[in-house]
C-alpha atoms as a PDB file:
ATOM      1  CA  MET A   1    -105.610  91.478  24.479  1.00  0.00           C
ATOM      2  CA  THR A   2    -105.672  94.775  26.425  1.00  0.00           C
ATOM      3  CA  LYS A   3    -104.102  96.127  29.385  1.00  0.00           C
ATOM      4  CA  VAL A   4    -107.298  96.173  31.379  1.00  0.00           C
ATOM      5  CA  GLU A   5    -107.990  92.558  30.284  1.00  0.00           C
ATOM      6  CA  LYS A   6    -104.623  91.425  31.446  1.00  0.00           C
ATOM      7  CA  LEU A   7    -105.049  93.193  34.906  1.00  0.00           C
ATOM      8  CA  ALA A   8    -108.798  91.519  35.367  1.00  0.00           C
ATOM      9  CA  ARG A   9    -107.239  88.202  34.519  1.00  0.00           C
ATOM     10  CA  LEU A  10    -104.332  88.721  37.168  1.00  0.00           C
ATOM     11  CA  ASP A  11    -106.889  90.211  39.488  1.00  0.00           C
ATOM     12  CA  LYS A  12    -108.902  87.028  39.153  1.00  0.00           C
ATOM     13  CA  VAL A  13    -105.822  84.668  39.709  1.00  0.00           C
ATOM     14  CA  PHE A  14    -104.105  86.863  42.572  1.00  0.00           C
ATOM     15  CA  ARG A  15    -107.422  88.552  44.955  1.00  0.00           C
ATOM     16  CA  GLU A  16    -107.719  85.351  47.114  1.00  0.00           C
ATOM     17  CA  ARG A  17    -103.687  85.334  47.725  1.00  0.00           C
ATOM     18  CA  LEU A  18    -103.436  89.274  48.676  1.00  0.00           C
ATOM     19  CA  GLU A  19    -106.684  88.792  51.235  1.00  0.00           C
ATOM     20  CA  ILE A  20    -103.797  87.560  53.264  1.00  0.00           C
ATOM     21  CA  LEU A  21    -101.802  90.866  53.404  1.00  0.00           C
ATOM     22  CA  PRO A  22    -103.083  93.313  56.462  1.00  0.00           C
ATOM     23  CA  ASN A  23    -106.325  94.689  55.938  1.00  0.00           C
ATOM     24  CA  HIS A  24    -105.295  98.397  55.417  1.00  0.00           C
ATOM     25  CA  PHE A  25    -103.011  97.370  52.984  1.00  0.00           C
ATOM     26  CA  PHE A  26    -105.161  95.173  50.936  1.00  0.00           C
ATOM     27  CA  ILE A  27    -107.650  97.814  51.273  1.00  0.00           C
ATOM     28  CA  SER A  28    -105.122 100.748  50.207  1.00  0.00           C
ATOM     29  CA  PHE A  29    -103.918  98.746  47.442  1.00  0.00           C
ATOM     30  CA  TYR A  30    -107.557  97.946  45.890  1.00  0.00           C
ATOM     31  CA  SER A  31    -108.577 101.530  46.225  1.00  0.00           C
ATOM     32  CA  ASN A  32    -105.931 103.167  44.416  1.00  0.00           C
ATOM     33  CA  GLN A  33    -105.882 100.684  41.340  1.00  0.00           C
ATOM     34  CA  LYS A  34    -109.648 100.537  41.042  1.00  0.00           C
ATOM     35  CA  LYS A  35    -109.205 104.670  39.956  1.00  0.00           C
ATOM     36  CA  LYS A  36    -106.591 103.554  37.793  1.00  0.00           C
ATOM     37  CA  PHE A  37    -108.775 100.305  36.300  1.00  0.00           C
ATOM     38  CA  LEU A  38    -111.159 102.236  35.431  1.00  0.00           C
ATOM     39  CA  LYS A  39    -109.514 104.828  33.922  1.00  0.00           C
ATOM     40  CA  GLN A  40    -107.112 102.092  31.735  1.00  0.00           C
ATOM     41  CA  TYR A  41    -110.760 100.570  30.799  1.00  0.00           C
ATOM     42  CA  SER A  42    -111.955 104.417  29.365  1.00  0.00           C
ATOM     43  CA  ILE A  43    -108.864 104.401  27.382  1.00  0.00           C
ATOM     44  CA  ASP A  44    -108.710 100.620  25.833  1.00  0.00           C
ATOM     45  CA  TYR A  45    -111.954 100.495  24.966  1.00  0.00           C
ATOM     46  CA  VAL A  46    -112.510 103.934  23.392  1.00  0.00           C
ATOM     47  CA  ASN A  47    -112.860 102.613  19.930  1.00  0.00           C
ATOM     48  CA  PHE A  48    -114.623  99.440  20.760  1.00  0.00           C
ATOM     49  CA  GLU A  49    -117.049  98.946  18.107  1.00  0.00           C
ATOM     50  CA  LEU A  50    -120.485  98.081  18.972  1.00  0.00           C
ATOM     51  CA  ILE A  51    -120.864  94.131  19.977  1.00  0.00           C
ATOM     52  CA  ASP A  52    -123.345  92.372  17.471  1.00  0.00           C
ATOM     53  CA  PHE A  53    -126.052  91.301  20.123  1.00  0.00           C
ATOM     54  CA  GLU A  54    -129.676  90.527  20.249  1.00  0.00           C
ATOM     55  CA  PRO A  55    -131.707  93.475  22.081  1.00  0.00           C
ATOM     56  CA  LYS A  56    -134.087  92.111  24.948  1.00  0.00           C
ATOM     57  CA  ASN A  57    -136.356  94.664  24.981  1.00  0.00           C
ATOM     58  CA  VAL A  58    -137.402  95.571  28.629  1.00  0.00           C
ATOM     59  CA  ARG A  59    -139.912  98.200  30.177  1.00  0.00           C
ATOM     60  CA  LEU A  60    -138.724  99.425  33.401  1.00  0.00           C
ATOM     61  CA  TRP A  61    -140.381 102.995  35.129  1.00  0.00           C
ATOM     62  CA  ASP A  62    -142.557 103.024  31.983  1.00  0.00           C
ATOM     63  CA  ILE A  63    -139.085 103.642  29.863  1.00  0.00           C
ATOM     64  CA  ASP A  64    -138.229 101.207  27.061  1.00  0.00           C
ATOM     65  CA  PHE A  65    -134.908  99.855  26.871  1.00  0.00           C
ATOM     66  CA  ASN A  66    -133.091  97.486  24.666  1.00  0.00           C
ATOM     67  CA  MET A  67    -131.376  95.447  27.188  1.00  0.00           C
ATOM     68  CA  PRO A  68    -132.058  95.174  30.778  1.00  0.00           C
ATOM     69  CA  ILE A  69    -128.276  95.413  31.633  1.00  0.00           C
ATOM     70  CA  PHE A  70    -126.958  98.658  33.014  1.00  0.00           C
ATOM     71  CA  ASN A  71    -123.952  99.617  34.980  1.00  0.00           C
ATOM     72  CA  SER A  72    -124.021 100.378  38.642  1.00  0.00           C
ATOM     73  CA  ALA A  73    -124.559 103.894  39.958  1.00  0.00           C
ATOM     74  CA  GLY A  74    -121.301 105.733  40.494  1.00  0.00           C
ATOM     75  CA  MET A  75    -119.099 102.738  38.334  1.00  0.00           C
ATOM     76  CA  PHE A  76    -117.806 105.873  35.936  1.00  0.00           C
ATOM     77  CA  LYS A  77    -118.104 108.427  38.649  1.00  0.00           C
ATOM     78  CA  TYR A  78    -116.312 111.193  36.323  1.00  0.00           C
ATOM     79  CA  SER A  79    -117.867 110.578  33.415  1.00  0.00           C
ATOM     80  CA  GLU A  80    -115.744 108.210  31.775  1.00  0.00           C
ATOM     81  CA  GLY A  81    -116.899 104.818  29.894  1.00  0.00           C
ATOM     82  CA  TYR A  82    -120.055 105.365  29.108  1.00  0.00           C
ATOM     83  CA  TYR A  83    -119.612 105.175  25.671  1.00  0.00           C
ATOM     84  CA  THR A  84    -117.511 101.731  26.176  1.00  0.00           C
ATOM     85  CA  VAL A  85    -120.767 100.432  27.979  1.00  0.00           C
ATOM     86  CA  ALA A  86    -123.051 101.539  25.096  1.00  0.00           C
ATOM     87  CA  MET A  87    -121.168 100.347  22.177  1.00  0.00           C
ATOM     88  CA  GLN A  88    -121.299  96.904  24.439  1.00  0.00           C
ATOM     89  CA  GLY A  89    -124.879  96.864  24.404  1.00  0.00           C
ATOM     90  CA  ALA A  90    -126.011  98.081  27.819  1.00  0.00           C
ATOM     91  CA  GLY A  91    -129.238  99.169  27.906  1.00  0.00           C
ATOM     92  CA  ALA A  92    -128.342 102.474  30.158  1.00  0.00           C
ATOM     93  CA  TRP A  93    -125.953 103.837  32.946  1.00  0.00           C
ATOM     94  CA  LEU A  94    -126.931 105.112  35.943  1.00  0.00           C
ATOM     95  CA  ALA A  95    -124.580 108.185  36.268  1.00  0.00           C
ATOM     96  CA  GLY A  96    -124.515 107.964  40.537  1.00  0.00           C
ATOM     97  CA  THR A  97    -124.932 110.893  43.205  1.00  0.00           C
ATOM     98  CA  TYR A  98    -123.549 114.170  42.253  1.00  0.00           C
ATOM     99  CA  THR A  99    -123.934 117.194  44.750  1.00  0.00           C
ATOM    100  CA  THR A 100    -124.412 120.729  43.803  1.00  0.00           C
ATOM    101  CA  LYS A 101    -120.947 121.464  44.451  1.00  0.00           C
ATOM    102  CA  SER A 102    -117.507 119.192  44.381  1.00  0.00           C
ATOM    103  CA  ARG A 103    -116.564 116.681  46.994  1.00  0.00           C
ATOM    104  CA  VAL A 104    -113.010 115.281  47.569  1.00  0.00           C
ATOM    105  CA  GLY A 105    -115.130 112.595  49.313  1.00  0.00           C
ATOM    106  CA  ASN A 106    -113.713 110.085  52.280  1.00  0.00           C
ATOM    107  CA  ILE A 107    -110.172 109.336  53.618  1.00  0.00           C
ATOM    108  CA  LYS A 108    -109.911 107.192  56.251  1.00  0.00           C
ATOM    109  CA  LYS A 109    -106.488 106.450  57.523  1.00  0.00           C
ATOM    110  CA  GLY A 110    -104.718 107.950  54.648  1.00  0.00           C
ATOM    111  CA  ILE A 111    -106.806 106.232  51.896  1.00  0.00           C
ATOM    112  CA  MET A 112    -108.867 107.775  49.616  1.00  0.00           C
ATOM    113  CA  HIS A 113    -111.706 106.774  48.837  1.00  0.00           C
ATOM    114  CA  PRO A 114    -111.891 103.258  50.722  1.00  0.00           C
ATOM    115  CA  PHE A 115    -113.099 100.096  48.725  1.00  0.00           C
ATOM    116  CA  LEU A 116    -112.861  96.593  49.361  1.00  0.00           C
ATOM    117  CA  PRO A 117    -113.516  93.613  46.932  1.00  0.00           C
ATOM    118  CA  LEU A 118    -114.505  90.104  48.365  1.00  0.00           C
ATOM    119  CA  PRO A 119    -113.461  87.401  46.638  1.00  0.00           C
ATOM    120  CA  ASN A 120    -115.748  84.552  47.910  1.00  0.00           C
ATOM    121  CA  SER A 121    -118.634  86.810  47.339  1.00  0.00           C
ATOM    122  CA  HIS A 122    -117.432  88.488  44.455  1.00  0.00           C
ATOM    123  CA  LEU A 123    -119.390  91.651  45.865  1.00  0.00           C
ATOM    124  CA  ALA A 124    -117.257  94.605  46.893  1.00  0.00           C
ATOM    125  CA  ILE A 125    -117.972  97.631  49.625  1.00  0.00           C
ATOM    126  CA  ASN A 126    -117.252 101.217  49.506  1.00  0.00           C
ATOM    127  CA  TRP A 127    -116.919 104.032  51.869  1.00  0.00           C
ATOM    128  CA  MET A 128    -116.206 106.863  49.139  1.00  0.00           C
ATOM    129  CA  GLY A 129    -118.285 109.664  50.638  1.00  0.00           C
ATOM    130  CA  LEU A 130    -119.898 110.666  46.892  1.00  0.00           C
ATOM    131  CA  PRO A 131    -116.890 112.003  45.470  1.00  0.00           C
ATOM    132  CA  ASN A 132    -117.872 114.097  42.164  1.00  0.00           C
ATOM    133  CA  GLU A 133    -117.164 117.338  39.970  1.00  0.00           C
ATOM    134  CA  GLY A 134    -120.458 118.595  41.110  1.00  0.00           C
ATOM    135  CA  ILE A 135    -123.882 118.466  38.974  1.00  0.00           C
ATOM    136  CA  GLU A 136    -123.033 121.362  36.582  1.00  0.00           C
ATOM    137  CA  VAL A 137    -119.653 119.982  35.251  1.00  0.00           C
ATOM    138  CA  ALA A 138    -121.279 116.170  35.324  1.00  0.00           C
ATOM    139  CA  ALA A 139    -124.031 117.583  33.048  1.00  0.00           C
ATOM    140  CA  LYS A 140    -121.732 119.218  30.644  1.00  0.00           C
ATOM    141  CA  LYS A 141    -119.871 115.963  30.164  1.00  0.00           C
ATOM    142  CA  ASN A 142    -122.579 113.722  30.077  1.00  0.00           C
ATOM    143  CA  ILE A 143    -124.306 115.929  27.714  1.00  0.00           C
ATOM    144  CA  SER A 144    -121.487 116.248  25.131  1.00  0.00           C
ATOM    145  CA  ASN A 145    -121.147 112.513  25.388  1.00  0.00           C
END
């Protein structure tokens, strides 16, 4: 089992219990851990081999994809992890929004890129403020991947 799999299992067990913490601490904890988790994800699965799956072709926007599953826009904001989701059978990846110049993103009450997972609905909300390295840097990274 990889580090990221262990972290995901721990999160499943403890997230509801962590909700009793003060809101500021809860949001700060998940905001900081989200970035670390995604970085660890791209490290753990860098040599991941393509899983065996039966393609489920879908046509969207007049483009043919081998699977109807995509990652959410901005999930890998700094161009890490796209290779991994492709090897897992994703039909495509959505890069999210990039701006002409790099942006640090939002900081609220000392929390950088506030993010909040919602345990009961399994949704999450964020107020990240479009953090990105700028379109030129992202394009170079994504073209080389």
